[in-house]
Amino acid sequence: MPRKTAAQRRAEHEQQRRDRDLEMMRSDKNWPMWPILPLKKWNREKHSFDCGYLEFLAGSVVFKANLHTAREIETEKLKYASLEAIIADGWTVD
């Protein structure tokens, strides 16, 4: 069996991380800070992380993002069709 390239190992690692994050998002009973689950996303333009969270509200999970700037914090409700879409947009469990 040929050895995996660095790119293949990196892609495999990223897929494993996405799978773990998705499982954590789906299992609110395992959230360490229930009723919220902190998330982060690398923002290339700002060279920093955006912060967001999933919140368990009234029996359902809601996604919110706190986008930090140098002088203020904006709270934005970003809408995603699914937890998979949140992960596909680059959000990870923090």
Protein backbone atom coordinates (compact mmCIF):
# COMPACT_ATOMS: atom_id res chain seq x y z
CA MET A 1 0.00 0.00 0.00
CA PRO A 2 1.51 3.36 -1.01
CA ARG A 3 2.14 5.96 1.68
CA LYS A 4 -0.28 8.86 1.93
CA THR A 5 0.93 12.27 0.86
CA ALA A 6 0.93 15.20 3.27
CA ALA A 7 -2.08 16.64 1.44
CA GLN A 8 -3.97 13.35 1.79
CA ARG A 9 -3.17 13.15 5.51
CA ARG A 10 -4.26 16.79 5.98
CA ALA A 11 -7.51 16.20 4.11
CA GLU A 12 -8.19 13.06 6.16
CA HIS A 13 -7.51 14.96 9.40
CA GLU A 14 -9.84 17.79 8.34
CA GLN A 15 -12.61 15.31 7.53
CA GLN A 16 -12.21 13.65 10.93
CA ARG A 17 -12.42 17.07 12.62
CA ARG A 18 -15.56 17.97 10.68
CA ASP A 19 -17.13 14.63 11.62
CA ARG A 20 -16.30 15.17 15.33
CA ASP A 21 -17.67 18.74 15.22
CA LEU A 22 -20.88 17.61 13.56
CA GLU A 23 -21.38 14.88 16.16
CA MET A 24 -20.81 17.40 18.96
CA MET A 25 -23.27 19.86 17.38
CA ARG A 26 -25.92 17.16 17.11
CA SER A 27 -25.53 16.04 20.75
CA ASP A 28 -26.49 19.03 22.90
CA LYS A 29 -26.39 16.80 25.99
CA ASN A 30 -22.59 16.68 25.56
CA TRP A 31 -22.10 20.45 25.23
CA PRO A 32 -19.68 21.48 28.00
CA MET A 33 -21.33 24.92 28.39
CA TRP A 34 -24.96 23.88 27.81
CA PRO A 35 -27.23 25.54 26.65
CA ILE A 36 -24.59 27.01 24.30
CA LEU A 37 -21.81 25.50 22.19
CA PRO A 38 -19.04 27.98 21.26
CA LEU A 39 -17.91 27.99 17.63
CA LYS A 40 -15.15 29.81 15.77
CA LYS A 41 -14.33 30.57 12.15
CA TRP A 42 -11.09 31.93 10.73
CA ASN A 43 -11.67 35.29 9.03
CA ARG A 44 -8.96 35.79 6.41
CA GLU A 45 -9.79 39.47 5.86
CA LYS A 46 -9.40 40.36 9.55
CA HIS A 47 -6.65 37.81 10.25
CA SER A 48 -8.56 36.72 13.33
CA PHE A 49 -11.35 34.42 14.42
CA ASP A 50 -15.06 35.22 14.29
CA CYS A 51 -16.90 33.80 17.26
CA GLY A 52 -20.32 32.25 17.22
CA TYR A 53 -22.36 29.74 19.11
CA LEU A 54 -25.16 27.27 18.89
CA GLU A 55 -27.86 27.82 21.47
CA PHE A 56 -30.46 25.34 22.61
CA LEU A 57 -33.70 27.37 22.76
CA ALA A 58 -37.22 26.09 23.21
CA GLY A 59 -36.39 22.59 22.05
CA SER A 60 -34.39 23.57 18.97
CA VAL A 61 -30.84 24.64 18.13
CA VAL A 62 -30.26 28.22 16.95
CA PHE A 63 -27.00 29.55 15.45
CA LYS A 64 -25.75 33.05 16.27
CA ALA A 65 -22.47 34.76 15.46
CA ASN A 66 -20.73 37.45 17.47
CA LEU A 67 -18.48 39.19 15.00
CA HIS A 68 -15.79 41.05 16.93
CA THR A 69 -14.26 44.21 15.52
CA ALA A 70 -11.67 46.48 17.11
CA ARG A 71 -14.26 48.76 18.70
CA GLU A 72 -17.53 46.92 18.90
CA ILE A 73 -19.27 43.59 18.92
CA GLU A 74 -22.01 42.95 16.42
CA THR A 75 -24.44 40.11 16.95
CA GLU A 76 -25.65 38.67 13.73
CA LYS A 77 -28.08 35.82 13.20
CA LEU A 78 -26.72 33.93 10.25
CA LYS A 79 -29.11 31.40 8.80
CA TYR A 80 -27.97 28.01 7.64
CA ALA A 81 -30.09 25.21 6.27
CA SER A 82 -28.36 22.57 8.39
CA LEU A 83 -25.54 21.86 10.79
CA GLU A 84 -23.60 20.49 7.82
CA ALA A 85 -23.92 23.89 6.13
CA ILE A 86 -22.44 25.60 9.22
CA ILE A 87 -19.43 23.28 9.04
CA ALA A 88 -19.13 23.71 5.27
CA ASP A 89 -18.92 27.49 5.83
CA GLY A 90 -15.84 26.98 8.00
CA TRP A 91 -17.26 27.05 11.54
CA THR A 92 -15.65 24.65 14.03
CA VAL A 93 -16.37 23.74 17.64
CA ASP A 94 -14.18 25.83 19.91
